[in-house]
Amino acid sequence: MATSVIQTNGSKPWELTVPKKDHYSPDEVIQAYFKGKEVGKADGLKEGSEATRQLLLKALTENLSKAGSETNKVLKAFKVQKLKTESALLRIDSWHRFSVMIVATEAAFKSDKLLKVYDVVNALESTVTNDQFHIRFSFVAGGKDLDPKALAADGYVLKLKS
């Protein structure tokens, strides 16, 4: 694909957290998807057009930006409750489905105030979810016991820029 997803405007809130050689980039995953479609086309499946590819890239780019905005709303809910976070990591599940892992401090993760953040997240997820965009938030306690390599292995390779 000529245009890199990570270089588009939609990805501005996100940065790569692992060396490129250690994972498949979103671009490589999308390229593999289109390569698979080409193989399928050779086997008689319907052809995906360049216009379809461009629409998919545009939707992914817009959704990356929206994921950043929605993640900032969740981080604001943490601040309102005076709970600290270490980072927010993104996994792209598909062009319209995103998973965000909020790494909270151990104290924040154990706090009863986290339940109020869950209320915000539940309302937000149900409000923004539609056929074109779906986001799911999860929380994990940070600190020295959290293995960033495990998160990267689970696909959380983009970090919200601060």
Protein backbone atom coordinates (compact mmCIF):
# COMPACT_ATOMS: atom_id res chain seq x y z
CA MET A 1 0.00 0.00 0.00
CA ALA A 2 1.47 3.32 -1.00
CA THR A 3 0.20 5.27 2.00
CA SER A 4 1.32 4.18 5.43
CA VAL A 5 -1.45 4.09 8.03
CA ILE A 6 1.04 5.18 10.67
CA GLN A 7 1.93 8.24 8.55
CA THR A 8 -1.65 9.39 7.98
CA ASN A 9 -3.42 12.13 9.92
CA GLY A 10 -5.59 9.64 11.78
CA SER A 11 -2.62 8.08 13.49
CA LYS A 12 -1.24 11.35 14.88
CA PRO A 13 -2.34 10.52 18.42
CA TRP A 14 -0.53 7.16 18.30
CA GLU A 15 3.12 6.11 18.17
CA LEU A 16 4.76 2.71 17.68
CA THR A 17 6.01 1.16 20.95
CA VAL A 18 8.14 -1.70 19.63
CA PRO A 19 10.87 -1.94 17.01
CA LYS A 20 9.46 -2.55 13.55
CA LYS A 21 11.40 -5.79 13.19
CA ASP A 22 9.60 -7.25 16.24
CA HIS A 23 6.05 -7.19 14.84
CA TYR A 24 3.88 -6.84 11.80
CA SER A 25 2.86 -3.24 11.33
CA PRO A 26 -0.77 -2.33 10.67
CA ASP A 27 0.29 -1.62 7.08
CA GLU A 28 1.75 -5.12 6.72
CA VAL A 29 -1.42 -6.66 8.13
CA ILE A 30 -3.53 -4.66 5.68
CA GLN A 31 -1.19 -5.63 2.83
CA ALA A 32 -1.55 -9.30 3.81
CA TYR A 33 -5.32 -8.86 3.83
CA PHE A 34 -5.30 -7.44 0.31
CA LYS A 35 -2.82 -10.10 -0.85
CA GLY A 36 -5.23 -12.72 0.50
CA LYS A 37 -8.04 -11.05 -1.42
CA GLU A 38 -5.94 -11.24 -4.59
CA VAL A 39 -5.34 -14.96 -4.01
CA GLY A 40 -9.05 -15.39 -3.40
CA LYS A 41 -9.81 -13.50 -6.59
CA ALA A 42 -7.53 -15.90 -8.48
CA ASP A 43 -9.60 -18.71 -6.97
CA GLY A 44 -12.79 -17.13 -8.32
CA LEU A 45 -13.84 -14.81 -5.50
CA LYS A 46 -15.14 -11.32 -6.34
CA GLU A 47 -12.52 -8.69 -6.98
CA GLY A 48 -11.81 -5.92 -4.49
CA SER A 49 -11.26 -2.65 -6.32
CA GLU A 50 -8.70 0.06 -5.69
CA ALA A 51 -11.64 2.27 -4.72
CA THR A 52 -12.57 -0.24 -2.01
CA ARG A 53 -8.98 -0.25 -0.79
CA GLN A 54 -8.95 3.55 -0.59
CA LEU A 55 -12.28 3.61 1.25
CA LEU A 56 -10.95 1.07 3.74
CA LEU A 57 -7.78 3.11 4.31
CA LYS A 58 -9.83 6.29 4.75
CA ALA A 59 -12.15 4.61 7.26
CA LEU A 60 -9.22 3.13 9.18
CA THR A 61 -7.48 6.51 9.30
CA GLU A 62 -10.62 8.28 10.55
CA ASN A 63 -11.24 5.54 13.11
CA LEU A 64 -7.66 5.76 14.41
CA SER A 65 -8.23 9.43 15.08
CA LYS A 66 -11.58 8.72 16.74
CA ALA A 67 -9.96 6.03 18.91
CA GLY A 68 -7.49 8.67 20.09
CA SER A 69 -10.29 11.09 20.95
CA GLU A 70 -12.30 8.48 22.83
CA THR A 71 -9.20 7.32 24.70
CA ASN A 72 -8.56 10.90 25.82
CA LYS A 73 -12.10 10.99 27.25
CA VAL A 74 -11.33 7.90 29.34
CA LEU A 75 -8.03 9.38 30.51
CA LYS A 76 -9.93 12.52 31.52
CA ALA A 77 -12.26 10.34 33.62
CA PHE A 78 -9.18 9.01 35.43
CA LYS A 79 -8.04 12.58 36.13
CA VAL A 80 -11.48 13.58 37.40
CA GLN A 81 -11.24 10.73 39.92
CA LYS A 82 -7.63 11.76 40.74
CA LEU A 83 -6.36 8.41 39.49
CA LYS A 84 -3.05 8.20 37.66
CA THR A 85 -2.30 6.31 34.48
CA GLU A 86 1.01 5.28 32.95
CA SER A 87 -0.03 4.88 29.32
CA ALA A 88 -2.78 4.01 26.87
CA LEU A 89 -2.02 1.32 24.29
CA LEU A 90 -3.96 0.51 21.13
CA ARG A 91 -4.52 -2.75 19.29
CA ILE A 92 -6.12 -2.54 15.85
CA ASP A 93 -8.42 -5.54 15.54
CA SER A 94 -9.81 -4.53 12.13
CA TRP A 95 -10.48 -1.36 10.17
CA HIS A 96 -13.37 -0.52 12.52
CA ARG A 97 -12.62 -2.45 15.74
CA PHE A 98 -10.11 -1.23 18.29
CA SER A 99 -9.00 -2.39 21.72
CA VAL A 100 -7.40 0.05 24.13
CA MET A 101 -5.44 -1.06 27.19
CA ILE A 102 -5.16 1.66 29.82
CA VAL A 103 -2.17 1.04 32.08
CA ALA A 104 -3.08 2.50 35.47
CA THR A 105 -0.79 2.88 38.43
CA GLU A 106 -1.11 0.06 40.94
CA ALA A 107 -2.79 2.41 43.42
CA ALA A 108 -5.32 3.57 40.82
CA PHE A 109 -6.03 0.01 39.73
CA LYS A 110 -6.83 -1.01 43.33
CA SER A 111 -8.90 2.09 44.09
CA ASP A 112 -12.68 1.93 44.47
CA LYS A 113 -12.77 5.13 42.38
CA LEU A 114 -11.92 2.99 39.34
CA LEU A 115 -15.57 1.87 39.36
CA LYS A 116 -16.58 5.42 38.43
CA VAL A 117 -14.19 5.26 35.47
CA TYR A 118 -15.84 1.99 34.44
CA ASP A 119 -19.20 3.81 34.45
CA VAL A 120 -17.79 6.41 32.05
CA VAL A 121 -16.29 3.68 29.84
CA ASN A 122 -19.53 1.69 29.69
CA ALA A 123 -21.50 4.79 28.69
CA LEU A 124 -18.88 5.81 26.14
CA GLU A 125 -18.60 2.36 24.55
CA SER A 126 -22.36 2.07 24.13
CA THR A 127 -22.64 5.62 22.75
CA VAL A 128 -19.91 5.45 20.09
CA THR A 129 -20.36 1.86 18.93
CA ASN A 130 -21.91 1.46 15.48
CA ASP A 131 -21.33 -0.50 12.27
CA GLN A 132 -18.40 1.75 11.35
CA PHE A 133 -16.63 2.03 14.72
CA HIS A 134 -16.26 -0.15 17.78
CA ILE A 135 -13.91 0.45 20.69
CA ARG A 136 -13.34 -1.59 23.82
CA PHE A 137 -11.37 -0.44 26.86
CA SER A 138 -9.54 -2.62 29.34
CA PHE A 139 -7.43 -1.74 32.35
CA VAL A 140 -4.29 -3.29 33.77
CA ALA A 141 -2.10 -2.41 36.74
CA GLY A 142 1.25 -1.01 35.74
CA GLY A 143 4.45 -1.04 37.69
CA LYS A 144 7.54 -3.20 37.59
CA ASP A 145 5.62 -6.47 37.22
CA LEU A 146 3.92 -5.44 33.97
CA ASP A 147 5.72 -6.90 30.96
CA PRO A 148 5.56 -4.50 27.99
CA LYS A 149 6.69 -7.32 25.70
CA ALA A 150 3.62 -9.35 26.67
CA LEU A 151 1.37 -6.40 25.80
CA ALA A 152 3.17 -5.99 22.47
CA ALA A 153 2.79 -9.72 21.80
CA ASP A 154 -0.95 -9.29 22.38
CA GLY A 155 -0.96 -6.63 19.66
CA TYR A 156 -0.83 -3.47 21.78
CA VAL A 157 1.92 -1.84 19.74
CA LEU A 158 0.62 1.72 19.46
CA LYS A 159 0.84 4.13 22.38
CA LEU A 160 -1.20 7.29 22.81
CA LYS A 161 1.11 10.28 22.58
CA SER A 162 1.05 12.48 25.65
